[in-house]
Amino acid sequence: MTSKERIAGFIVGVGCAATFLLIYSPLQVTDRKDGPNEHNTVSNVVVMPSMQRKSDWKLNAERNVDGPLKELRQQGQIVLPEKDAIAKMTVSQAFKTYHSYLDNVDTMCYRKLRMGKLGDGGWEICDDANYRPVKPCIVYSFGISNDFSFDDDTAKNYECNVFSFDPSMTQASYQRSPRVRFFKSGLGGKDQKSNSWDLQTLTTIKKMLNHTGKYIDVLKMDIENSEWPSLPNMVSSGELSNVGQFLVEYHGPCSNLNDCVSKLKILKDVHDAGFRKFYVHKNHNCGLTNALFPVIRTFCYEIHYVNIKLK
């Protein structure tokens, strides 16, 4: 090879390398950010003609919009609208929204710890630094049915003072352990005696325990449909807003339009008070099939909230 040929080859090689760097060096991919509205981002990208085409995933997603679940996606809202819009829903829209909303989370808890049994009786607590109970902490547990596994585990692992309530048990009020105290009374929308059961509002219960104005780290409520008359008072009194984590089992199939709309409005009040779902569990003992929804449902949703307004 002559010297001229070597020089020419060198120049061609340098030119190819420069062209490669010019095209690809501006490509910078940022780190992934987790969140409902955050995606992988690309900055300073030289877009080549082949990069402007839609991905196969995007094309498939557009095709699938007309599939069997189209009506569910259109009617079953997972973000609750304002109450005026809820009041105007058809029975199909209200039913689909009720079950779609309760079956999906709003926020992320990165460390969940189950207190109590794996089945009925156990509940998840969000252990993230912004939300975890910190000693001295207060926990209210409504609805025991002779299963103290959640109460005992929470008292042991978080060293909280746990106050347990259930008017249906034959056991009289007693001090179960140094940190767990049981009361033979229950939560209601007003102070009353119902079926020989003593029911009290959350305001009355906190006053009885000298907790007026105090922060409740975790409030667990599994009270077999009594959540619906109790919650409006808890919201209107402002007591729910002073709760860090709210664990509740919602009961009822949302059986007709008025029932669905009423329940959705209460769920909207809980959301507006600052509560976001970090974990949802469908109780398999409450299976529900309905022509308005394409797949099996439950009428017992165990919902786990954190209060983002107290973060």
C-alpha atoms as a PDB file:
ATOM      1  CA  MET A   1       0.000   0.000   0.000  1.00  0.00           C
ATOM      2  CA  THR A   2       1.424   3.390  -0.971  1.00  0.00           C
ATOM      3  CA  SER A   3       1.667   6.298   1.451  1.00  0.00           C
ATOM      4  CA  LYS A   4      -1.108   8.107  -0.422  1.00  0.00           C
ATOM      5  CA  GLU A   5      -3.411   5.097   0.000  1.00  0.00           C
ATOM      6  CA  ARG A   6      -2.628   4.920   3.726  1.00  0.00           C
ATOM      7  CA  ILE A   7      -3.397   8.652   4.171  1.00  0.00           C
ATOM      8  CA  ALA A   8      -6.662   8.313   2.246  1.00  0.00           C
ATOM      9  CA  GLY A   9      -7.718   5.331   4.368  1.00  0.00           C
ATOM     10  CA  PHE A  10      -6.936   7.255   7.566  1.00  0.00           C
ATOM     11  CA  ILE A  11      -9.052  10.220   6.445  1.00  0.00           C
ATOM     12  CA  VAL A  12     -12.011   7.941   5.607  1.00  0.00           C
ATOM     13  CA  GLY A  13     -11.735   6.238   9.005  1.00  0.00           C
ATOM     14  CA  VAL A  14     -11.688   9.544  10.890  1.00  0.00           C
ATOM     15  CA  GLY A  15     -14.703  10.727   8.909  1.00  0.00           C
ATOM     16  CA  CYS A  16     -16.728   7.623   9.781  1.00  0.00           C
ATOM     17  CA  ALA A  17     -15.882   7.944  13.473  1.00  0.00           C
ATOM     18  CA  ALA A  18     -16.876  11.610  13.520  1.00  0.00           C
ATOM     19  CA  THR A  19     -20.175  10.830  11.827  1.00  0.00           C
ATOM     20  CA  PHE A  20     -20.927   8.087  14.390  1.00  0.00           C
ATOM     21  CA  LEU A  21     -20.233  10.402  17.319  1.00  0.00           C
ATOM     22  CA  LEU A  22     -22.309  13.199  15.795  1.00  0.00           C
ATOM     23  CA  ILE A  23     -25.364  10.956  15.510  1.00  0.00           C
ATOM     24  CA  TYR A  24     -25.208   9.007  18.785  1.00  0.00           C
ATOM     25  CA  SER A  25     -23.358  11.060  21.363  1.00  0.00           C
ATOM     26  CA  PRO A  26     -26.312  13.421  22.129  1.00  0.00           C
ATOM     27  CA  LEU A  27     -28.479  10.504  23.250  1.00  0.00           C
ATOM     28  CA  GLN A  28     -28.894  10.798  27.029  1.00  0.00           C
ATOM     29  CA  VAL A  29     -31.452   8.749  28.964  1.00  0.00           C
ATOM     30  CA  THR A  30     -32.451   9.904  32.401  1.00  0.00           C
ATOM     31  CA  ASP A  31     -32.980   7.585  35.335  1.00  0.00           C
ATOM     32  CA  ARG A  32     -36.414   6.045  35.725  1.00  0.00           C
ATOM     33  CA  LYS A  33     -38.805   7.879  38.008  1.00  0.00           C
ATOM     34  CA  ASP A  34     -41.631   5.945  39.577  1.00  0.00           C
ATOM     35  CA  GLY A  35     -44.979   7.649  39.697  1.00  0.00           C
ATOM     36  CA  PRO A  36     -48.354   7.710  38.004  1.00  0.00           C
ATOM     37  CA  ASN A  37     -47.455  10.581  35.667  1.00  0.00           C
ATOM     38  CA  GLU A  38     -43.733  10.081  35.288  1.00  0.00           C
ATOM     39  CA  HIS A  39     -42.053   8.113  32.533  1.00  0.00           C
ATOM     40  CA  ASN A  40     -38.589   7.414  31.197  1.00  0.00           C
ATOM     41  CA  THR A  41     -37.444  10.581  29.438  1.00  0.00           C
ATOM     42  CA  VAL A  42     -34.922  11.151  26.680  1.00  0.00           C
ATOM     43  CA  SER A  43     -33.171  14.475  26.206  1.00  0.00           C
ATOM     44  CA  ASN A  44     -31.038  15.844  23.364  1.00  0.00           C
ATOM     45  CA  VAL A  45     -32.044  13.086  20.969  1.00  0.00           C
ATOM     46  CA  VAL A  46     -31.261  13.270  17.271  1.00  0.00           C
ATOM     47  CA  VAL A  47     -34.455  11.742  15.865  1.00  0.00           C
ATOM     48  CA  MET A  48     -33.824   9.649  12.783  1.00  0.00           C
ATOM     49  CA  PRO A  49     -36.710   8.928  10.398  1.00  0.00           C
ATOM     50  CA  SER A  50     -37.002   5.335  11.636  1.00  0.00           C
ATOM     51  CA  MET A  51     -37.396   6.546  15.252  1.00  0.00           C
ATOM     52  CA  GLN A  52     -40.571   8.500  14.471  1.00  0.00           C
ATOM     53  CA  ARG A  53     -42.719   5.390  13.994  1.00  0.00           C
ATOM     54  CA  LYS A  54     -45.029   4.282  16.794  1.00  0.00           C
ATOM     55  CA  SER A  55     -43.852   1.311  18.786  1.00  0.00           C
ATOM     56  CA  ASP A  56     -45.581  -2.038  18.392  1.00  0.00           C
ATOM     57  CA  TRP A  57     -46.867  -1.686  21.972  1.00  0.00           C
ATOM     58  CA  LYS A  58     -48.515   1.647  21.188  1.00  0.00           C
ATOM     59  CA  LEU A  59     -50.135   0.237  18.080  1.00  0.00           C
ATOM     60  CA  ASN A  60     -51.425  -2.816  19.957  1.00  0.00           C
ATOM     61  CA  ALA A  61     -52.827  -0.622  22.741  1.00  0.00           C
ATOM     62  CA  GLU A  62     -54.729   1.455  20.214  1.00  0.00           C
ATOM     63  CA  ARG A  63     -56.197  -1.656  18.619  1.00  0.00           C
ATOM     64  CA  ASN A  64     -57.274  -3.090  21.991  1.00  0.00           C
ATOM     65  CA  VAL A  65     -59.324  -0.027  22.930  1.00  0.00           C
ATOM     66  CA  ASP A  66     -62.272  -1.525  21.039  1.00  0.00           C
ATOM     67  CA  GLY A  67     -62.093  -4.911  22.764  1.00  0.00           C
ATOM     68  CA  PRO A  68     -64.569  -6.499  25.213  1.00  0.00           C
ATOM     69  CA  LEU A  69     -63.440  -4.148  28.012  1.00  0.00           C
ATOM     70  CA  LYS A  70     -64.100  -0.930  26.083  1.00  0.00           C
ATOM     71  CA  GLU A  71     -67.308  -0.056  27.951  1.00  0.00           C
ATOM     72  CA  LEU A  72     -65.691  -0.733  31.327  1.00  0.00           C
ATOM     73  CA  ARG A  73     -62.822   1.643  30.513  1.00  0.00           C
ATOM     74  CA  GLN A  74     -65.273   4.324  29.403  1.00  0.00           C
ATOM     75  CA  GLN A  75     -67.666   4.061  32.355  1.00  0.00           C
ATOM     76  CA  GLY A  76     -65.673   2.657  35.277  1.00  0.00           C
ATOM     77  CA  GLN A  77     -63.733   5.621  36.592  1.00  0.00           C
ATOM     78  CA  ILE A  78     -60.759   4.929  38.853  1.00  0.00           C
ATOM     79  CA  VAL A  79     -60.465   8.598  39.855  1.00  0.00           C
ATOM     80  CA  LEU A  80     -63.678   9.779  41.466  1.00  0.00           C
ATOM     81  CA  PRO A  81     -65.344  12.799  39.858  1.00  0.00           C
ATOM     82  CA  GLU A  82     -67.013  15.588  41.801  1.00  0.00           C
ATOM     83  CA  LYS A  83     -70.259  14.819  43.635  1.00  0.00           C
ATOM     84  CA  ASP A  84     -72.405  16.632  41.054  1.00  0.00           C
ATOM     85  CA  ALA A  85     -71.080  14.287  38.373  1.00  0.00           C
ATOM     86  CA  ILE A  86     -71.601  11.263  40.628  1.00  0.00           C
ATOM     87  CA  ALA A  87     -75.242  12.250  41.139  1.00  0.00           C
ATOM     88  CA  LYS A  88     -75.808  12.227  37.362  1.00  0.00           C
ATOM     89  CA  MET A  89     -74.393   8.742  36.764  1.00  0.00           C
ATOM     90  CA  THR A  90     -76.466   5.931  35.334  1.00  0.00           C
ATOM     91  CA  VAL A  91     -76.646   2.692  37.298  1.00  0.00           C
ATOM     92  CA  SER A  92     -74.111   1.133  34.911  1.00  0.00           C
ATOM     93  CA  GLN A  93     -71.656   4.016  35.345  1.00  0.00           C
ATOM     94  CA  ALA A  94     -72.068   4.089  39.122  1.00  0.00           C
ATOM     95  CA  PHE A  95     -71.662   0.318  39.516  1.00  0.00           C
ATOM     96  CA  LYS A  96     -68.590   0.179  37.292  1.00  0.00           C
ATOM     97  CA  THR A  97     -67.025   3.195  38.992  1.00  0.00           C
ATOM     98  CA  TYR A  98     -67.644   1.853  42.493  1.00  0.00           C
ATOM     99  CA  HIS A  99     -65.905  -1.452  41.771  1.00  0.00           C
ATOM    100  CA  SER A 100     -63.186   0.044  39.552  1.00  0.00           C
ATOM    101  CA  TYR A 101     -62.274   2.708  42.102  1.00  0.00           C
ATOM    102  CA  LEU A 102     -62.084   0.333  45.061  1.00  0.00           C
ATOM    103  CA  ASP A 103     -60.000  -2.172  43.112  1.00  0.00           C
ATOM    104  CA  ASN A 104     -57.127   0.214  42.249  1.00  0.00           C
ATOM    105  CA  VAL A 105     -54.505   2.047  44.310  1.00  0.00           C
ATOM    106  CA  ASP A 106     -53.758   5.783  44.248  1.00  0.00           C
ATOM    107  CA  THR A 107     -50.295   5.875  45.761  1.00  0.00           C
ATOM    108  CA  MET A 108     -47.263   3.709  46.459  1.00  0.00           C
ATOM    109  CA  CYS A 109     -46.154   2.308  49.800  1.00  0.00           C
ATOM    110  CA  TYR A 110     -42.729   0.748  49.356  1.00  0.00           C
ATOM    111  CA  ARG A 111     -42.691  -1.314  52.552  1.00  0.00           C
ATOM    112  CA  LYS A 112     -45.926  -2.927  53.698  1.00  0.00           C
ATOM    113  CA  LEU A 113     -45.919  -5.075  56.823  1.00  0.00           C
ATOM    114  CA  ARG A 114     -48.797  -7.375  57.658  1.00  0.00           C
ATOM    115  CA  MET A 115     -49.928  -7.279  61.230  1.00  0.00           C
ATOM    116  CA  GLY A 116     -51.985 -10.327  62.204  1.00  0.00           C
ATOM    117  CA  LYS A 117     -53.090 -13.359  60.246  1.00  0.00           C
ATOM    118  CA  LEU A 118     -52.526 -13.857  56.529  1.00  0.00           C
ATOM    119  CA  GLY A 119     -56.258 -14.413  56.080  1.00  0.00           C
ATOM    120  CA  ASP A 120     -59.168 -12.639  57.755  1.00  0.00           C
ATOM    121  CA  GLY A 121     -58.024 -10.646  60.768  1.00  0.00           C
ATOM    122  CA  GLY A 122     -54.703  -9.421  59.377  1.00  0.00           C
ATOM    123  CA  TRP A 123     -54.083  -5.989  57.854  1.00  0.00           C
ATOM    124  CA  GLU A 124     -51.200  -4.214  56.115  1.00  0.00           C
ATOM    125  CA  ILE A 125     -49.487  -1.219  57.693  1.00  0.00           C
ATOM    126  CA  CYS A 126     -47.417   1.145  55.562  1.00  0.00           C
ATOM    127  CA  ASP A 127     -43.959   1.215  57.107  1.00  0.00           C
ATOM    128  CA  ASP A 128     -42.542   3.998  54.922  1.00  0.00           C
ATOM    129  CA  ALA A 129     -40.795   6.682  56.975  1.00  0.00           C
ATOM    130  CA  ASN A 130     -43.472   9.312  56.281  1.00  0.00           C
ATOM    131  CA  TYR A 131     -46.312   7.147  57.519  1.00  0.00           C
ATOM    132  CA  ARG A 132     -45.126   4.481  59.966  1.00  0.00           C
ATOM    133  CA  PRO A 133     -46.449   4.570  63.544  1.00  0.00           C
ATOM    134  CA  VAL A 134     -43.826   5.916  65.927  1.00  0.00           C
ATOM    135  CA  LYS A 135     -43.858   5.283  69.673  1.00  0.00           C
ATOM    136  CA  PRO A 136     -45.767   6.591  71.581  1.00  0.00           C
ATOM    137  CA  CYS A 137     -48.451   5.793  69.003  1.00  0.00           C
ATOM    138  CA  ILE A 138     -52.204   5.295  69.244  1.00  0.00           C
ATOM    139  CA  VAL A 139     -54.130   2.659  67.287  1.00  0.00           C
ATOM    140  CA  TYR A 140     -57.900   2.174  67.227  1.00  0.00           C
ATOM    141  CA  SER A 141     -59.205  -1.223  66.107  1.00  0.00           C
ATOM    142  CA  PHE A 142     -62.962  -1.475  65.485  1.00  0.00           C
ATOM    143  CA  GLY A 143     -64.363  -4.943  64.846  1.00  0.00           C
ATOM    144  CA  ILE A 144     -62.508  -7.823  66.525  1.00  0.00           C
ATOM    145  CA  SER A 145     -64.782 -10.874  66.359  1.00  0.00           C
ATOM    146  CA  ASN A 146     -62.504 -12.613  68.892  1.00  0.00           C
ATOM    147  CA  ASP A 147     -59.443 -12.211  66.642  1.00  0.00           C
ATOM    148  CA  PHE A 148     -56.814  -9.978  68.244  1.00  0.00           C
ATOM    149  CA  SER A 149     -53.982 -10.953  65.888  1.00  0.00           C
ATOM    150  CA  PHE A 150     -53.770  -7.496  64.267  1.00  0.00           C
ATOM    151  CA  ASP A 151     -53.988  -5.721  67.614  1.00  0.00           C
ATOM    152  CA  ASP A 152     -51.395  -7.924  69.313  1.00  0.00           C
ATOM    153  CA  ASP A 153     -48.889  -7.732  66.434  1.00  0.00           C
ATOM    154  CA  THR A 154     -49.220  -3.957  66.151  1.00  0.00           C
ATOM    155  CA  ALA A 155     -48.709  -3.497  69.888  1.00  0.00           C
ATOM    156  CA  LYS A 156     -45.696  -5.804  69.863  1.00  0.00           C
ATOM    157  CA  ASN A 157     -43.907  -4.558  66.752  1.00  0.00           C
ATOM    158  CA  TYR A 158     -44.670  -0.834  66.856  1.00  0.00           C
ATOM    159  CA  GLU A 159     -45.040  -0.568  70.653  1.00  0.00           C
ATOM    160  CA  CYS A 160     -48.310   1.299  70.175  1.00  0.00           C
ATOM    161  CA  ASN A 161     -51.157   1.550  72.638  1.00  0.00           C
ATOM    162  CA  VAL A 162     -53.990  -0.321  70.919  1.00  0.00           C
ATOM    163  CA  PHE A 163     -57.639   0.249  71.798  1.00  0.00           C
ATOM    164  CA  SER A 164     -59.907  -2.551  70.549  1.00  0.00           C
ATOM    165  CA  PHE A 165     -63.697  -2.317  70.195  1.00  0.00           C
ATOM    166  CA  ASP A 166     -66.458  -4.815  69.477  1.00  0.00           C
ATOM    167  CA  PRO A 167     -69.989  -4.738  70.949  1.00  0.00           C
ATOM    168  CA  SER A 168     -70.882  -8.151  69.482  1.00  0.00           C
ATOM    169  CA  MET A 169     -68.449 -10.147  71.638  1.00  0.00           C
ATOM    170  CA  THR A 170     -69.550 -11.772  74.897  1.00  0.00           C
ATOM    171  CA  GLN A 171     -66.271 -10.751  76.527  1.00  0.00           C
ATOM    172  CA  ALA A 172     -66.617  -7.779  78.881  1.00  0.00           C
ATOM    173  CA  SER A 173     -64.230  -4.833  78.647  1.00  0.00           C
ATOM    174  CA  TYR A 174     -60.780  -5.736  79.983  1.00  0.00           C
ATOM    175  CA  GLN A 175     -57.061  -5.028  79.784  1.00  0.00           C
ATOM    176  CA  ARG A 176     -55.807  -7.733  77.423  1.00  0.00           C
ATOM    177  CA  SER A 177     -52.098  -6.898  77.738  1.00  0.00           C
ATOM    178  CA  PRO A 178     -49.976  -3.940  78.848  1.00  0.00           C
ATOM    179  CA  ARG A 179     -50.565  -2.244  75.459  1.00  0.00           C
ATOM    180  CA  VAL A 180     -53.927  -3.710  74.308  1.00  0.00           C
ATOM    181  CA  ARG A 181     -57.212  -2.716  75.947  1.00  0.00           C
ATOM    182  CA  PHE A 182     -60.595  -4.074  74.876  1.00  0.00           C
ATOM    183  CA  PHE A 183     -63.963  -2.299  75.076  1.00  0.00           C
ATOM    184  CA  LYS A 184     -67.335  -3.953  74.631  1.00  0.00           C
ATOM    185  CA  SER A 185     -68.694  -1.074  72.557  1.00  0.00           C
ATOM    186  CA  GLY A 186     -68.661  -0.049  68.931  1.00  0.00           C
ATOM    187  CA  LEU A 187     -68.452   2.769  66.439  1.00  0.00           C
ATOM    188  CA  GLY A 188     -71.556   4.432  65.049  1.00  0.00           C
ATOM    189  CA  GLY A 189     -72.830   7.524  63.307  1.00  0.00           C
ATOM    190  CA  LYS A 190     -74.336   8.722  66.596  1.00  0.00           C
ATOM    191  CA  ASP A 191     -74.317   7.793  70.268  1.00  0.00           C
ATOM    192  CA  GLN A 192     -77.022   5.173  70.716  1.00  0.00           C
ATOM    193  CA  LYS A 193     -77.916   1.710  71.930  1.00  0.00           C
ATOM    194  CA  SER A 194     -78.707  -0.561  68.979  1.00  0.00           C
ATOM    195  CA  ASN A 195     -79.760  -4.185  69.441  1.00  0.00           C
ATOM    196  CA  SER A 196     -78.439  -3.957  73.010  1.00  0.00           C
ATOM    197  CA  TRP A 197     -75.077  -2.790  71.618  1.00  0.00           C
ATOM    198  CA  ASP A 198     -73.504   0.450  72.808  1.00  0.00           C
ATOM    199  CA  LEU A 199     -72.462   2.523  69.789  1.00  0.00           C
ATOM    200  CA  GLN A 200     -70.616   5.820  69.964  1.00  0.00           C
ATOM    201  CA  THR A 201     -69.183   8.350  67.551  1.00  0.00           C
ATOM    202  CA  LEU A 202     -65.433   8.644  67.160  1.00  0.00           C
ATOM    203  CA  THR A 203     -65.586  12.031  68.888  1.00  0.00           C
ATOM    204  CA  THR A 204     -67.262  10.497  71.956  1.00  0.00           C
ATOM    205  CA  ILE A 205     -64.802   7.596  72.046  1.00  0.00           C
ATOM    206  CA  LYS A 206     -61.771   9.899  71.871  1.00  0.00           C
ATOM    207  CA  LYS A 207     -63.229  12.053  74.656  1.00  0.00           C
ATOM    208  CA  MET A 208     -63.792   8.956  76.809  1.00  0.00           C
ATOM    209  CA  LEU A 209     -60.140   7.931  76.352  1.00  0.00           C
ATOM    210  CA  ASN A 210     -58.792  11.475  76.895  1.00  0.00           C
ATOM    211  CA  HIS A 211     -57.629  11.519  73.265  1.00  0.00           C
ATOM    212  CA  THR A 212     -59.517  14.642  72.184  1.00  0.00           C
ATOM    213  CA  GLY A 213     -57.410  16.483  69.620  1.00  0.00           C
ATOM    214  CA  LYS A 214     -54.812  13.715  69.530  1.00  0.00           C
ATOM    215  CA  TYR A 215     -53.382  12.131  66.391  1.00  0.00           C
ATOM    216  CA  ILE A 216     -54.432   8.532  65.739  1.00  0.00           C
ATOM    217  CA  ASP A 217     -51.614   6.699  63.951  1.00  0.00           C
ATOM    218  CA  VAL A 218     -53.770   3.847  62.622  1.00  0.00           C
ATOM    219  CA  LEU A 219     -57.524   3.380  62.631  1.00  0.00           C
ATOM    220  CA  LYS A 220     -58.737  -0.065  61.544  1.00  0.00           C
ATOM    221  CA  MET A 221     -62.443  -0.567  60.912  1.00  0.00           C
ATOM    222  CA  ASP A 222     -64.164  -3.839  59.987  1.00  0.00           C
ATOM    223  CA  ILE A 223     -67.675  -3.346  61.310  1.00  0.00           C
ATOM    224  CA  GLU A 224     -69.940  -5.158  58.833  1.00  0.00           C
ATOM    225  CA  ASN A 225     -71.740  -2.351  56.953  1.00  0.00           C
ATOM    226  CA  SER A 226     -71.726   0.055  59.910  1.00  0.00           C
ATOM    227  CA  GLU A 227     -68.889   1.925  58.192  1.00  0.00           C
ATOM    228  CA  TRP A 228     -71.412   3.650  55.929  1.00  0.00           C
ATOM    229  CA  PRO A 229     -73.414   5.430  58.685  1.00  0.00           C
ATOM    230  CA  SER A 230     -70.228   6.033  60.721  1.00  0.00           C
ATOM    231  CA  LEU A 231     -68.055   7.662  58.069  1.00  0.00           C
ATOM    232  CA  PRO A 232     -70.129  10.803  57.373  1.00  0.00           C
ATOM    233  CA  ASN A 233     -69.866  11.754  61.056  1.00  0.00           C
ATOM    234  CA  MET A 234     -66.143  10.958  61.118  1.00  0.00           C
ATOM    235  CA  VAL A 235     -65.612  13.237  58.119  1.00  0.00           C
ATOM    236  CA  SER A 236     -67.897  16.108  59.147  1.00  0.00           C
ATOM    237  CA  SER A 237     -66.512  16.200  62.702  1.00  0.00           C
ATOM    238  CA  GLY A 238     -62.952  16.423  61.374  1.00  0.00           C
ATOM    239  CA  GLU A 239     -61.884  13.379  63.384  1.00  0.00           C
ATOM    240  CA  LEU A 240     -60.932  11.324  60.316  1.00  0.00           C
ATOM    241  CA  SER A 241     -58.574  14.059  59.124  1.00  0.00           C
ATOM    242  CA  ASN A 242     -56.444  13.475  62.224  1.00  0.00           C
ATOM    243  CA  VAL A 243     -55.779   9.817  61.336  1.00  0.00           C
ATOM    244  CA  GLY A 244     -52.508   8.728  59.704  1.00  0.00           C
ATOM    245  CA  GLN A 245     -53.503   5.357  58.237  1.00  0.00           C
ATOM    246  CA  PHE A 246     -57.075   4.222  57.713  1.00  0.00           C
ATOM    247  CA  LEU A 247     -57.737   0.511  57.175  1.00  0.00           C
ATOM    248  CA  VAL A 248     -61.352  -0.301  56.380  1.00  0.00           C
ATOM    249  CA  GLU A 249     -63.425  -3.088  54.915  1.00  0.00           C
ATOM    250  CA  TYR A 250     -66.210  -1.696  52.768  1.00  0.00           C
ATOM    251  CA  HIS A 251     -69.236  -3.993  52.625  1.00  0.00           C
ATOM    252  CA  GLY A 252     -72.175  -4.110  50.265  1.00  0.00           C
ATOM    253  CA  PRO A 253     -72.597  -4.909  46.567  1.00  0.00           C
ATOM    254  CA  CYS A 254     -73.715  -1.424  45.491  1.00  0.00           C
ATOM    255  CA  SER A 255     -77.028  -3.026  44.595  1.00  0.00           C
ATOM    256  CA  ASN A 256     -78.981  -0.148  43.008  1.00  0.00           C
ATOM    257  CA  LEU A 257     -78.442   3.370  41.700  1.00  0.00           C
ATOM    258  CA  ASN A 258     -79.220   5.215  44.953  1.00  0.00           C
ATOM    259  CA  ASP A 259     -77.026   2.832  46.951  1.00  0.00           C
ATOM    260  CA  CYS A 260     -74.121   3.183  44.515  1.00  0.00           C
ATOM    261  CA  VAL A 261     -74.350   6.977  44.358  1.00  0.00           C
ATOM    262  CA  SER A 262     -74.576   7.273  48.165  1.00  0.00           C
ATOM    263  CA  LYS A 263     -71.516   5.075  48.669  1.00  0.00           C
ATOM    264  CA  LEU A 264     -69.525   6.873  45.962  1.00  0.00           C
ATOM    265  CA  LYS A 265     -70.202  10.231  47.624  1.00  0.00           C
ATOM    266  CA  ILE A 266     -68.899   8.902  50.948  1.00  0.00           C
ATOM    267  CA  LEU A 267     -65.813   7.513  49.199  1.00  0.00           C
ATOM    268  CA  LYS A 268     -65.323  10.938  47.612  1.00  0.00           C
ATOM    269  CA  ASP A 269     -65.455  12.576  51.070  1.00  0.00           C
ATOM    270  CA  VAL A 270     -62.782  10.173  52.350  1.00  0.00           C
ATOM    271  CA  HIS A 271     -60.604  10.947  49.321  1.00  0.00           C
ATOM    272  CA  ASP A 272     -61.052  14.697  49.761  1.00  0.00           C
ATOM    273  CA  ALA A 273     -60.033  14.357  53.417  1.00  0.00           C
ATOM    274  CA  GLY A 274     -56.606  13.306  52.136  1.00  0.00           C
ATOM    275  CA  PHE A 275     -56.767   9.511  52.027  1.00  0.00           C
ATOM    276  CA  ARG A 276     -55.124   7.587  49.195  1.00  0.00           C
ATOM    277  CA  LYS A 277     -55.275   3.813  48.672  1.00  0.00           C
ATOM    278  CA  PHE A 278     -51.892   2.070  48.917  1.00  0.00           C
ATOM    279  CA  TYR A 279     -53.171  -1.504  49.061  1.00  0.00           C
ATOM    280  CA  VAL A 280     -56.428  -3.215  48.093  1.00  0.00           C
ATOM    281  CA  HIS A 281     -57.556  -6.742  48.877  1.00  0.00           C
ATOM    282  CA  LYS A 282     -60.731  -8.377  47.606  1.00  0.00           C
ATOM    283  CA  ASN A 283     -62.194 -10.633  50.285  1.00  0.00           C
ATOM    284  CA  HIS A 284     -62.788 -13.948  48.516  1.00  0.00           C
ATOM    285  CA  ASN A 285     -65.587 -14.857  50.934  1.00  0.00           C
ATOM    286  CA  CYS A 286     -67.807 -12.209  49.320  1.00  0.00           C
ATOM    287  CA  GLY A 287     -67.789 -13.228  45.654  1.00  0.00           C
ATOM    288  CA  LEU A 288     -70.110 -11.279  43.374  1.00  0.00           C
ATOM    289  CA  THR A 289     -71.081 -11.717  39.733  1.00  0.00           C
ATOM    290  CA  ASN A 290     -73.148  -9.076  37.971  1.00  0.00           C
ATOM    291  CA  ALA A 291     -74.059  -8.526  34.336  1.00  0.00           C
ATOM    292  CA  LEU A 292     -72.883  -4.907  34.623  1.00  0.00           C
ATOM    293  CA  PHE A 293     -69.259  -5.969  35.204  1.00  0.00           C
ATOM    294  CA  PRO A 294     -67.336  -8.345  32.927  1.00  0.00           C
ATOM    295  CA  VAL A 295     -65.385 -10.217  35.625  1.00  0.00           C
ATOM    296  CA  ILE A 296     -66.071 -11.508  39.126  1.00  0.00           C
ATOM    297  CA  ARG A 297     -66.162  -8.921  41.900  1.00  0.00           C
ATOM    298  CA  THR A 298     -66.386  -8.915  45.667  1.00  0.00           C
ATOM    299  CA  PHE A 299     -68.742  -6.993  47.912  1.00  0.00           C
ATOM    300  CA  CYS A 300     -66.123  -6.842  50.681  1.00  0.00           C
ATOM    301  CA  TYR A 301     -63.133  -4.656  49.774  1.00  0.00           C
ATOM    302  CA  GLU A 302     -60.344  -4.342  52.341  1.00  0.00           C
ATOM    303  CA  ILE A 303     -58.907  -0.892  51.618  1.00  0.00           C
ATOM    304  CA  HIS A 304     -55.666   0.445  53.109  1.00  0.00           C
ATOM    305  CA  TYR A 305     -55.202   4.228  53.041  1.00  0.00           C
ATOM    306  CA  VAL A 306     -52.502   6.694  54.025  1.00  0.00           C
ATOM    307  CA  ASN A 307     -53.339  10.324  54.756  1.00  0.00           C
ATOM    308  CA  ILE A 308     -51.245  12.426  52.370  1.00  0.00           C
ATOM    309  CA  LYS A 309     -52.310  15.672  54.069  1.00  0.00           C
ATOM    310  CA  LEU A 310     -50.440  14.590  57.213  1.00  0.00           C
ATOM    311  CA  LYS A 311     -47.341  13.424  55.303  1.00  0.00           C
END
